[in-house]
Amino acid sequence: MRRLPIFLVIDVSESMVGEPLQQVGAGIRSMVQTLRRDPYALETAYLSVVVFAGRVKTLVPLTDMASFYPPQLPLGGGTSLGAALTHLMSEIETKIVKTSAESKGDWKPIVFLFTDGAPTDDPEDAVAEWAAKYRTRANLVAVSVGNNADLALLAQLTDQVLLLNDAHPESYQRFFNWITASIQTQSQRLDASADDRFRVENLSADLVRKVSPDMRPRQRLDENFVVLTARCGKTRMAYLIKYARERNAAGGGAQAGEEWPEFIGEETPAAAAAGEQPYVLAGAFAVPSPEEYEELTAANYGATTISTGELRGTPSCPCCGNPFGFAMCACGNVHCLKGPGESVCPWCGKTGSYDFGTGDADVTRALG
């Protein structure tokens, strides 16, 4: 039986922390449950999960539906889209069974690429290689989660670039229902014909739209969000503090009833489009796997700062419950405190005296 390989290539950068990553994980679980009940998909579909942040990793190799177990999605620092493409091309080259004189190989693979921000590496060579060698060998659907992805760059990879602009949980569920139905349709079509083109069709206009390539200039930072890396003063565990532009404070993207943003001809980055709106606290989140977080974070990470004057709100610590989750040591790193007084920094190990301060300071931010 010829396999239908499906790759889910998922951005797990820090700006995806919280609701977006949780809903993508829930969508994968729902998709697998449905496909297991479909006799065509159960027989032909093989699923792989690839995640990328500053680095890239295959979480699950191509696995049949009956044996596939949805993984826990990790987090990392950065958005290395170029590295993700290079890894994906290697997976296609080495894991896809090619047609030979003796037998038919796998069907053309389907790739769903999910990202919520602009690349933090230089993807030009990988994009050029994909366009030259792999664009016709795979059915790639690029999905911008929110409106800060580099849509022009994604359009170099595929004609099928989709903007999912509503971050509510039910919207993610509806979108993954559409993905599932599309895979089911493809499985049935392959059984009846040799046409292995994947078609984007029956999209709900209030949920997602197909976009044109001339929409956004490239930028290195996701200016819709600010994410700070912190450590718990008690457990030394890592956690992330996420701030969002006020227009995105509920998680990013348009809310129900809002109009789609118009990008065509836009020449300014997201920060300028947002005006001088501050970043407001969206939450603090414990890092589920510190080892994987470090593994997926780029080596040259953490050289950019932001003034605390642009940030509104302070969280409690999600690891130990300390009421003050945003304290800065003289070493420049963030950790939690029980209250004013002496405390040991979990980053540098030095003891300092802490109190409520006035004025602004620069704090290192993640690339998002």
Foldseek 3Di string as FASTA:
>chain_A
DAAAEEEEEEEQEPLCPDLNLVLVLVLVVVLLVVLCVQPLQQVHYWYWYWYAALAIDTPGATHHSVPDDRDRDAYAFFAAVLRSLVVVVVSCVPVWFPDDPVGHTHFQYEYEYEDAAEHQDDNVVSLVCLLVPPLVRHAYAYEHAFDHYQLLSVVSNDQHYKYFFESDSVLSNVVSVLVSVQSSVQSVVVVVDVDNHRDDDPDDPQGMDGDDNQFADGDNFRVQKWKAWEAAQPPRFIKIWIWGFPCCLQSHGHYPPDDHDGGHPDDDHPNVVSPLGATETNDMGTRPDPVVHVVNYNPPWFPDKDKCVRYHDAQAHPPPRQRGAFDADPVQHGYGDNAFAWGAGSPPRDIDGDHDDDDMDIHTTTRD
